[in-house]
Amino acid sequence: MRSQHKGFTLIELLVVIAIIGILAGIVLVSLGGARASARDGRRQADIRQILSAMELCYDAANCGAGAQQYISTTGGANAITAIGTSMPTVPADPTNASPYQYTWVANSTLNPVNDYCVYARLEKASATSGNLIYQAAGPGGVRERDVASTFAFSITDCE
């Protein structure tokens, strides 16, 4: 007479564990794009706040004469760290690492400097150049734009 054992065999358990592992891997890979998209959305909101603070500061004339006097920067890429009294602490980029930072460029031929562009590099890559920025202000308005180089911008890039 045959004894009846209840339970799963080792093979059955290994197959179930393998299937769960594969499904977990697929879910983790698909969430990476959603996280990057969320960080890009935060960058766009932060850029709009920075732009508003720059305009308030410039309109109130409490920031000095021209953009270069009221935007505090550090680093070689004009990273914005403070905007007069309107925004003494600028929000940091979600990744807080280069090349993702909030930067600006001004038309230095004007006095006072009132033609400027604030921008951030997005994680969402463009199909053409691979570099996509979100810019606000300047003649180009608010938009996403392909650029040839990540941080070699001039005021003409904002048109």
N, C-alpha and C. Protein backbone atom coordinates (compact mmCIF):
# COMPACT_ATOMS: atom_id res chain seq x y z
N MET A 1 0.83 -1.17 0.00
CA MET A 1 0.00 0.00 0.00
C MET A 1 0.89 1.26 0.00
N ARG A 2 0.48 2.20 -0.72
CA ARG A 2 1.24 3.43 -0.92
C ARG A 2 0.85 4.47 0.14
N SER A 3 1.87 5.12 0.73
CA SER A 3 1.56 6.14 1.73
C SER A 3 1.29 7.47 1.02
N GLN A 4 0.41 8.24 1.57
CA GLN A 4 0.06 9.51 0.95
C GLN A 4 0.76 10.64 1.68
N HIS A 5 1.64 11.34 0.91
CA HIS A 5 2.35 12.50 1.45
C HIS A 5 1.68 13.75 0.93
N LYS A 6 1.49 14.68 1.82
CA LYS A 6 0.91 15.94 1.42
C LYS A 6 2.02 16.98 1.40
N GLY A 7 2.00 17.86 0.38
CA GLY A 7 2.99 18.91 0.28
C GLY A 7 3.50 19.04 -1.15
N PHE A 8 4.46 19.95 -1.31
CA PHE A 8 5.02 20.23 -2.63
C PHE A 8 6.39 19.59 -2.75
N THR A 9 6.73 19.24 -3.95
CA THR A 9 8.07 18.70 -4.18
C THR A 9 9.06 19.85 -4.31
N LEU A 10 10.32 19.54 -4.21
CA LEU A 10 11.37 20.55 -4.32
C LEU A 10 11.34 21.21 -5.69
N ILE A 11 11.10 20.46 -6.72
CA ILE A 11 11.03 21.01 -8.08
C ILE A 11 9.90 22.02 -8.20
N GLU A 12 8.75 21.70 -7.67
CA GLU A 12 7.62 22.63 -7.73
C GLU A 12 7.94 23.94 -7.01
N LEU A 13 8.57 23.86 -5.86
CA LEU A 13 8.94 25.06 -5.12
C LEU A 13 9.95 25.90 -5.88
N LEU A 14 10.94 25.27 -6.50
CA LEU A 14 11.95 26.00 -7.27
C LEU A 14 11.34 26.70 -8.48
N VAL A 15 10.39 26.06 -9.14
CA VAL A 15 9.73 26.67 -10.29
C VAL A 15 8.95 27.91 -9.85
N VAL A 16 8.23 27.83 -8.75
CA VAL A 16 7.46 28.97 -8.25
C VAL A 16 8.39 30.11 -7.86
N ILE A 17 9.49 29.82 -7.19
CA ILE A 17 10.45 30.86 -6.80
C ILE A 17 11.06 31.52 -8.03
N ALA A 18 11.37 30.74 -9.06
CA ALA A 18 11.93 31.31 -10.29
C ALA A 18 10.93 32.23 -10.97
N ILE A 19 9.68 31.84 -11.02
CA ILE A 19 8.65 32.68 -11.65
C ILE A 19 8.48 33.98 -10.87
N ILE A 20 8.46 33.92 -9.56
CA ILE A 20 8.34 35.13 -8.74
C ILE A 20 9.54 36.04 -8.97
N GLY A 21 10.73 35.48 -9.05
CA GLY A 21 11.93 36.27 -9.31
C GLY A 21 11.89 36.98 -10.64
N ILE A 22 11.44 36.29 -11.67
CA ILE A 22 11.34 36.90 -13.01
C ILE A 22 10.33 38.05 -13.00
N LEU A 23 9.17 37.83 -12.39
CA LEU A 23 8.15 38.88 -12.32
C LEU A 23 8.65 40.09 -11.52
N ALA A 24 9.35 39.85 -10.42
CA ALA A 24 9.89 40.96 -9.62
C ALA A 24 10.90 41.76 -10.42
N GLY A 25 11.74 41.09 -11.20
CA GLY A 25 12.72 41.79 -12.03
C GLY A 25 12.06 42.66 -13.08
N ILE A 26 11.00 42.17 -13.69
CA ILE A 26 10.28 42.94 -14.70
C ILE A 26 9.66 44.19 -14.08
N VAL A 27 9.07 44.05 -12.91
CA VAL A 27 8.45 45.19 -12.23
C VAL A 27 9.49 46.24 -11.87
N LEU A 28 10.63 45.83 -11.35
CA LEU A 28 11.67 46.79 -10.96
C LEU A 28 12.22 47.55 -12.16
N VAL A 29 12.39 46.87 -13.28
CA VAL A 29 12.89 47.54 -14.48
C VAL A 29 11.87 48.55 -15.00
N SER A 30 10.61 48.21 -14.96
CA SER A 30 9.58 49.12 -15.48
C SER A 30 9.39 50.34 -14.58
N LEU A 31 9.69 50.24 -13.30
CA LEU A 31 9.54 51.38 -12.39
C LEU A 31 10.64 52.42 -12.58
N GLY A 32 11.77 52.06 -13.16
CA GLY A 32 12.86 53.00 -13.37
C GLY A 32 12.44 54.18 -14.23
N GLY A 33 11.70 53.95 -15.28
CA GLY A 33 11.23 55.03 -16.15
C GLY A 33 10.23 55.94 -15.45
N ALA A 34 9.40 55.38 -14.60
CA ALA A 34 8.43 56.18 -13.86
C ALA A 34 9.14 57.10 -12.86
N ARG A 35 10.18 56.60 -12.24
CA ARG A 35 10.93 57.44 -11.29
C ARG A 35 11.61 58.59 -12.01
N ALA A 36 12.23 58.31 -13.15
CA ALA A 36 12.89 59.37 -13.92
C ALA A 36 11.87 60.41 -14.38
N SER A 37 10.70 59.97 -14.79
CA SER A 37 9.65 60.89 -15.21
C SER A 37 9.18 61.75 -14.04
N ALA A 38 9.07 61.18 -12.86
CA ALA A 38 8.68 61.95 -11.68
C ALA A 38 9.74 62.99 -11.33
N ARG A 39 11.02 62.62 -11.44
CA ARG A 39 12.09 63.59 -11.17
C ARG A 39 12.07 64.71 -12.19
N ASP A 40 11.79 64.39 -13.46
CA ASP A 40 11.69 65.43 -14.49
C ASP A 40 10.53 66.38 -14.19
N GLY A 41 9.41 65.86 -13.72
CA GLY A 41 8.29 66.71 -13.35
C GLY A 41 8.63 67.66 -12.21
N ARG A 42 9.37 67.15 -11.25
CA ARG A 42 9.81 68.02 -10.14
C ARG A 42 10.76 69.09 -10.65
N ARG A 43 11.66 68.73 -11.56
CA ARG A 43 12.58 69.72 -12.14
C ARG A 43 11.80 70.85 -12.81
N GLN A 44 10.77 70.50 -13.56
CA GLN A 44 9.99 71.51 -14.26
C GLN A 44 9.28 72.43 -13.27
N ALA A 45 8.73 71.88 -12.21
CA ALA A 45 8.07 72.70 -11.19
C ALA A 45 9.08 73.61 -10.49
N ASP A 46 10.25 73.07 -10.18
CA ASP A 46 11.28 73.88 -9.52
C ASP A 46 11.75 75.01 -10.41
N ILE A 47 11.91 74.75 -11.70
CA ILE A 47 12.36 75.79 -12.63
C ILE A 47 11.33 76.92 -12.67
N ARG A 48 10.04 76.57 -12.66
CA ARG A 48 9.01 77.61 -12.66
C ARG A 48 9.06 78.44 -11.37
N GLN A 49 9.32 77.80 -10.23
CA GLN A 49 9.46 78.54 -8.98
C GLN A 49 10.67 79.46 -9.02
N ILE A 50 11.77 78.98 -9.56
CA ILE A 50 12.99 79.79 -9.67
C ILE A 50 12.72 80.99 -10.56
N LEU A 51 12.04 80.77 -11.67
CA LEU A 51 11.71 81.85 -12.59
C LEU A 51 10.85 82.91 -11.89
N SER A 52 9.85 82.47 -11.14
CA SER A 52 8.99 83.42 -10.41
C SER A 52 9.80 84.22 -9.40
N ALA A 53 10.70 83.56 -8.69
CA ALA A 53 11.53 84.26 -7.72
C ALA A 53 12.45 85.27 -8.40
N MET A 54 12.98 84.92 -9.56
CA MET A 54 13.84 85.85 -10.29
C MET A 54 13.06 87.08 -10.73
N GLU A 55 11.85 86.87 -11.22
CA GLU A 55 11.03 88.00 -11.65
C GLU A 55 10.62 88.88 -10.47
N LEU A 56 10.23 88.27 -9.35
CA LEU A 56 9.88 89.04 -8.16
C LEU A 56 11.07 89.87 -7.68
N CYS A 57 12.21 89.24 -7.67
CA CYS A 57 13.42 89.92 -7.22
C CYS A 57 13.77 91.08 -8.15
N TYR A 58 13.67 90.84 -9.43
CA TYR A 58 14.02 91.87 -10.40
C TYR A 58 13.01 93.02 -10.36
N ASP A 59 11.71 92.69 -10.25
CA ASP A 59 10.68 93.72 -10.21
C ASP A 59 10.76 94.56 -8.94
N ALA A 60 11.11 93.93 -7.83
CA ALA A 60 11.16 94.64 -6.56
C ALA A 60 12.42 95.50 -6.44
N ALA A 61 13.35 95.35 -7.34
CA ALA A 61 14.60 96.11 -7.35
C ALA A 61 15.38 95.94 -6.05
N ASN A 62 15.18 94.80 -5.38
CA ASN A 62 15.93 94.56 -4.15
C ASN A 62 17.08 93.58 -4.38
N CYS A 63 17.41 93.38 -5.62
CA CYS A 63 18.41 92.38 -5.95
C CYS A 63 19.62 92.98 -6.63
N GLY A 64 19.71 94.27 -6.72
CA GLY A 64 20.84 94.86 -7.41
C GLY A 64 20.47 95.14 -8.85
N ALA A 65 21.41 95.65 -9.59
CA ALA A 65 21.16 96.01 -10.99
C ALA A 65 21.55 94.85 -11.88
N GLY A 66 20.57 94.14 -12.37
CA GLY A 66 20.85 93.08 -13.32
C GLY A 66 20.89 91.71 -12.69
N ALA A 67 20.67 90.71 -13.52
CA ALA A 67 20.57 89.34 -13.05
C ALA A 67 21.85 88.84 -12.41
N GLN A 68 22.99 89.25 -12.91
CA GLN A 68 24.24 88.71 -12.39
C GLN A 68 24.50 89.17 -10.96
N GLN A 69 23.86 90.24 -10.52
CA GLN A 69 24.05 90.68 -9.15
C GLN A 69 23.12 89.94 -8.18
N TYR A 70 22.00 89.43 -8.64
CA TYR A 70 21.08 88.84 -7.68
C TYR A 70 20.98 87.33 -7.74
N ILE A 71 21.70 86.69 -8.62
CA ILE A 71 21.70 85.23 -8.67
C ILE A 71 23.03 84.74 -8.14
N SER A 72 23.01 84.08 -7.00
CA SER A 72 24.23 83.52 -6.44
C SER A 72 24.47 82.15 -7.07
N THR A 73 25.69 81.92 -7.50
CA THR A 73 26.01 80.65 -8.15
C THR A 73 27.27 80.05 -7.55
N THR A 74 27.38 78.74 -7.69
CA THR A 74 28.61 78.05 -7.34
C THR A 74 28.93 77.07 -8.45
N GLY A 75 30.16 76.70 -8.56
CA GLY A 75 30.55 75.75 -9.59
C GLY A 75 30.75 76.43 -10.92
N GLY A 76 31.26 75.68 -11.87
CA GLY A 76 31.59 76.25 -13.16
C GLY A 76 30.43 76.34 -14.12
N ALA A 77 29.28 75.83 -13.76
CA ALA A 77 28.16 75.79 -14.71
C ALA A 77 27.03 76.72 -14.33
N ASN A 78 27.32 77.78 -13.57
CA ASN A 78 26.30 78.75 -13.15
C ASN A 78 25.12 78.09 -12.43
N ALA A 79 25.40 77.17 -11.55
CA ALA A 79 24.34 76.54 -10.77
C ALA A 79 23.75 77.56 -9.81
N ILE A 80 22.44 77.66 -9.80
CA ILE A 80 21.76 78.67 -8.98
C ILE A 80 21.70 78.18 -7.53
N THR A 81 22.16 79.02 -6.60
CA THR A 81 22.11 78.67 -5.18
C THR A 81 21.23 79.61 -4.37
N ALA A 82 21.05 80.84 -4.82
CA ALA A 82 20.19 81.80 -4.10
C ALA A 82 19.74 82.88 -5.06
N ILE A 83 18.55 83.45 -4.80
CA ILE A 83 18.03 84.54 -5.62
C ILE A 83 17.61 85.65 -4.67
N GLY A 84 18.55 86.49 -4.32
CA GLY A 84 18.27 87.63 -3.46
C GLY A 84 17.48 87.24 -2.23
N THR A 85 16.50 88.07 -1.86
CA THR A 85 15.65 87.77 -0.72
C THR A 85 14.40 87.00 -1.15
N SER A 86 14.15 86.89 -2.44
CA SER A 86 12.96 86.18 -2.92
C SER A 86 13.07 84.68 -2.68
N MET A 87 14.26 84.13 -2.84
CA MET A 87 14.47 82.70 -2.67
C MET A 87 15.89 82.50 -2.13
N PRO A 88 16.07 82.67 -0.81
CA PRO A 88 17.42 82.54 -0.26
C PRO A 88 18.01 81.15 -0.41
N THR A 89 17.16 80.14 -0.49
CA THR A 89 17.63 78.78 -0.72
C THR A 89 16.86 78.20 -1.90
N VAL A 90 17.58 77.91 -2.95
CA VAL A 90 16.97 77.35 -4.16
C VAL A 90 16.80 75.85 -3.98
N PRO A 91 15.66 75.28 -4.38
CA PRO A 91 15.50 73.83 -4.25
C PRO A 91 16.57 73.09 -5.04
N ALA A 92 17.02 71.98 -4.48
CA ALA A 92 18.05 71.18 -5.14
C ALA A 92 17.39 70.24 -6.14
N ASP A 93 18.13 69.90 -7.17
CA ASP A 93 17.67 68.92 -8.14
C ASP A 93 17.38 67.60 -7.41
N PRO A 94 16.38 66.83 -7.85
CA PRO A 94 16.05 65.57 -7.16
C PRO A 94 17.23 64.60 -7.02
N THR A 95 18.11 64.55 -8.00
CA THR A 95 19.27 63.67 -7.88
C THR A 95 20.42 64.36 -7.17
N ASN A 96 20.43 65.69 -7.19
CA ASN A 96 21.45 66.51 -6.54
C ASN A 96 22.87 66.09 -6.95
N ALA A 97 23.04 65.79 -8.22
CA ALA A 97 24.34 65.38 -8.73
C ALA A 97 24.51 65.92 -10.15
N SER A 98 25.74 66.18 -10.51
CA SER A 98 26.03 66.64 -11.86
C SER A 98 25.75 65.50 -12.84
N PRO A 99 25.24 65.75 -14.01
CA PRO A 99 24.99 67.02 -14.67
C PRO A 99 23.60 67.59 -14.41
N TYR A 100 22.87 67.03 -13.45
CA TYR A 100 21.51 67.49 -13.18
C TYR A 100 21.55 68.57 -12.10
N GLN A 101 21.45 69.82 -12.53
CA GLN A 101 21.39 70.95 -11.61
C GLN A 101 20.64 72.08 -12.30
N TYR A 102 20.16 73.03 -11.52
CA TYR A 102 19.43 74.16 -12.08
C TYR A 102 20.44 75.24 -12.43
N THR A 103 20.45 75.65 -13.68
CA THR A 103 21.46 76.59 -14.16
C THR A 103 20.80 77.74 -14.91
N TRP A 104 21.58 78.76 -15.20
CA TRP A 104 21.06 79.93 -15.91
C TRP A 104 22.15 80.50 -16.79
N VAL A 105 21.72 81.23 -17.78
CA VAL A 105 22.63 81.97 -18.65
C VAL A 105 21.97 83.31 -18.94
N ALA A 106 22.78 84.36 -19.01
CA ALA A 106 22.24 85.71 -19.22
C ALA A 106 22.87 86.32 -20.46
N ASN A 107 22.18 87.30 -21.02
CA ASN A 107 22.72 88.07 -22.14
C ASN A 107 23.56 89.18 -21.54
N SER A 108 24.86 88.97 -21.47
CA SER A 108 25.75 89.90 -20.79
C SER A 108 25.99 91.17 -21.59
N THR A 109 25.49 91.25 -22.82
CA THR A 109 25.67 92.48 -23.61
C THR A 109 24.67 93.55 -23.22
N LEU A 110 23.61 93.18 -22.51
CA LEU A 110 22.61 94.15 -22.08
C LEU A 110 22.96 94.69 -20.70
N ASN A 111 22.63 95.95 -20.44
CA ASN A 111 22.87 96.52 -19.13
C ASN A 111 21.63 97.31 -18.73
N PRO A 112 20.83 96.93 -17.75
CA PRO A 112 21.05 95.77 -16.90
C PRO A 112 20.70 94.48 -17.64
N VAL A 113 21.21 93.40 -17.10
CA VAL A 113 20.98 92.09 -17.71
C VAL A 113 19.53 91.70 -17.44
N ASN A 114 18.68 91.77 -18.45
CA ASN A 114 17.28 91.39 -18.24
C ASN A 114 16.82 90.35 -19.24
N ASP A 115 17.72 89.81 -20.01
CA ASP A 115 17.42 88.74 -20.95
C ASP A 115 18.18 87.51 -20.47
N TYR A 116 17.46 86.55 -19.92
CA TYR A 116 18.13 85.40 -19.34
C TYR A 116 17.29 84.15 -19.56
N CYS A 117 17.89 83.02 -19.26
CA CYS A 117 17.22 81.74 -19.44
C CYS A 117 17.61 80.84 -18.26
N VAL A 118 16.64 80.21 -17.65
CA VAL A 118 16.87 79.25 -16.58
C VAL A 118 16.55 77.88 -17.14
N TYR A 119 17.40 76.90 -16.87
CA TYR A 119 17.16 75.59 -17.46
C TYR A 119 17.67 74.47 -16.57
N ALA A 120 17.19 73.27 -16.86
CA ALA A 120 17.63 72.06 -16.18
C ALA A 120 17.69 70.94 -17.21
N ARG A 121 18.63 70.06 -17.06
CA ARG A 121 18.72 68.91 -17.95
C ARG A 121 17.75 67.84 -17.45
N LEU A 122 16.98 67.29 -18.38
CA LEU A 122 16.01 66.25 -18.04
C LEU A 122 16.64 64.87 -18.23
N GLU A 123 16.14 63.90 -17.48
CA GLU A 123 16.62 62.53 -17.64
C GLU A 123 16.03 61.88 -18.88
N LYS A 124 14.86 62.34 -19.29
CA LYS A 124 14.22 61.81 -20.49
C LYS A 124 15.07 62.23 -21.69
N ALA A 125 15.73 61.30 -22.32
CA ALA A 125 16.62 61.62 -23.43
C ALA A 125 15.83 61.89 -24.70
N SER A 126 16.37 62.79 -25.52
CA SER A 126 15.72 63.07 -26.80
C SER A 126 16.19 62.06 -27.84
N ALA A 127 15.40 61.91 -28.87
CA ALA A 127 15.74 60.96 -29.93
C ALA A 127 16.89 61.46 -30.79
N THR A 128 17.04 62.76 -30.93
CA THR A 128 18.07 63.29 -31.83
C THR A 128 19.42 63.43 -31.17
N SER A 129 19.51 64.23 -30.12
CA SER A 129 20.83 64.52 -29.55
C SER A 129 21.11 63.75 -28.27
N GLY A 130 20.09 63.23 -27.63
CA GLY A 130 20.29 62.57 -26.35
C GLY A 130 20.28 63.53 -25.18
N ASN A 131 20.30 64.83 -25.46
CA ASN A 131 20.28 65.86 -24.41
C ASN A 131 18.99 66.64 -24.52
N LEU A 132 18.19 66.60 -23.48
CA LEU A 132 16.93 67.33 -23.47
C LEU A 132 16.93 68.25 -22.26
N ILE A 133 16.67 69.54 -22.49
CA ILE A 133 16.61 70.48 -21.38
C ILE A 133 15.20 71.02 -21.26
N TYR A 134 14.88 71.50 -20.08
CA TYR A 134 13.64 72.21 -19.84
C TYR A 134 14.04 73.64 -19.54
N GLN A 135 13.59 74.57 -20.35
CA GLN A 135 13.99 75.96 -20.17
C GLN A 135 12.79 76.82 -19.87
N ALA A 136 13.05 77.89 -19.13
CA ALA A 136 12.02 78.87 -18.82
C ALA A 136 12.63 80.25 -18.98
N ALA A 137 11.83 81.20 -19.39
CA ALA A 137 12.22 82.59 -19.64
C ALA A 137 12.98 82.69 -20.95
N GLY A 138 13.53 83.85 -21.17
CA GLY A 138 14.21 84.07 -22.44
C GLY A 138 13.20 84.20 -23.56
N PRO A 139 13.68 84.49 -24.73
CA PRO A 139 12.78 84.64 -25.87
C PRO A 139 12.04 83.35 -26.22
N GLY A 140 12.60 82.21 -25.85
CA GLY A 140 12.00 80.93 -26.22
C GLY A 140 10.83 80.51 -25.37
N GLY A 141 10.56 81.20 -24.28
CA GLY A 141 9.45 80.83 -23.42
C GLY A 141 9.73 79.57 -22.62
N VAL A 142 8.67 78.91 -22.18
CA VAL A 142 8.79 77.68 -21.40
C VAL A 142 8.60 76.50 -22.33
N ARG A 143 9.59 75.62 -22.38
CA ARG A 143 9.50 74.47 -23.29
C ARG A 143 10.61 73.47 -23.01
N GLU A 144 10.45 72.30 -23.62
CA GLU A 144 11.52 71.31 -23.66
C GLU A 144 12.25 71.48 -24.97
N ARG A 145 13.56 71.26 -24.94
CA ARG A 145 14.34 71.53 -26.15
C ARG A 145 15.54 70.60 -26.25
N ASP A 146 15.82 70.14 -27.48
CA ASP A 146 17.04 69.39 -27.76
C ASP A 146 18.21 70.34 -27.83
N VAL A 147 19.34 69.94 -27.30
CA VAL A 147 20.55 70.73 -27.43
C VAL A 147 21.69 69.80 -27.81
N ALA A 148 22.70 70.37 -28.44
CA ALA A 148 23.82 69.56 -28.90
C ALA A 148 24.76 69.19 -27.77
N SER A 149 24.87 70.03 -26.76
CA SER A 149 25.80 69.79 -25.67
C SER A 149 25.09 70.04 -24.35
N THR A 150 25.50 69.32 -23.31
CA THR A 150 24.78 69.41 -22.04
C THR A 150 24.94 70.74 -21.34
N PHE A 151 26.14 71.26 -21.19
CA PHE A 151 26.32 72.48 -20.41
C PHE A 151 27.04 73.59 -21.14
N ALA A 152 27.14 73.54 -22.44
CA ALA A 152 27.81 74.60 -23.19
C ALA A 152 26.78 75.56 -23.78
N PHE A 153 25.84 76.03 -22.97
CA PHE A 153 24.76 76.88 -23.45
C PHE A 153 25.19 78.34 -23.53
N SER A 154 24.59 79.03 -24.44
CA SER A 154 24.72 80.49 -24.49
C SER A 154 23.30 81.04 -24.57
N ILE A 155 23.17 82.35 -24.53
CA ILE A 155 21.84 82.95 -24.57
C ILE A 155 21.14 82.63 -25.89
N THR A 156 21.88 82.38 -26.95
CA THR A 156 21.24 82.05 -28.23
C THR A 156 20.58 80.68 -28.18
N ASP A 157 21.00 79.80 -27.26
CA ASP A 157 20.35 78.50 -27.11
C ASP A 157 18.95 78.62 -26.53
N CYS A 158 18.64 79.75 -25.94
CA CYS A 158 17.34 79.93 -25.30
C CYS A 158 16.32 80.57 -26.23
N GLU A 159 16.68 80.84 -27.44
CA GLU A 159 15.75 81.49 -28.37
C GLU A 159 14.80 80.49 -28.98
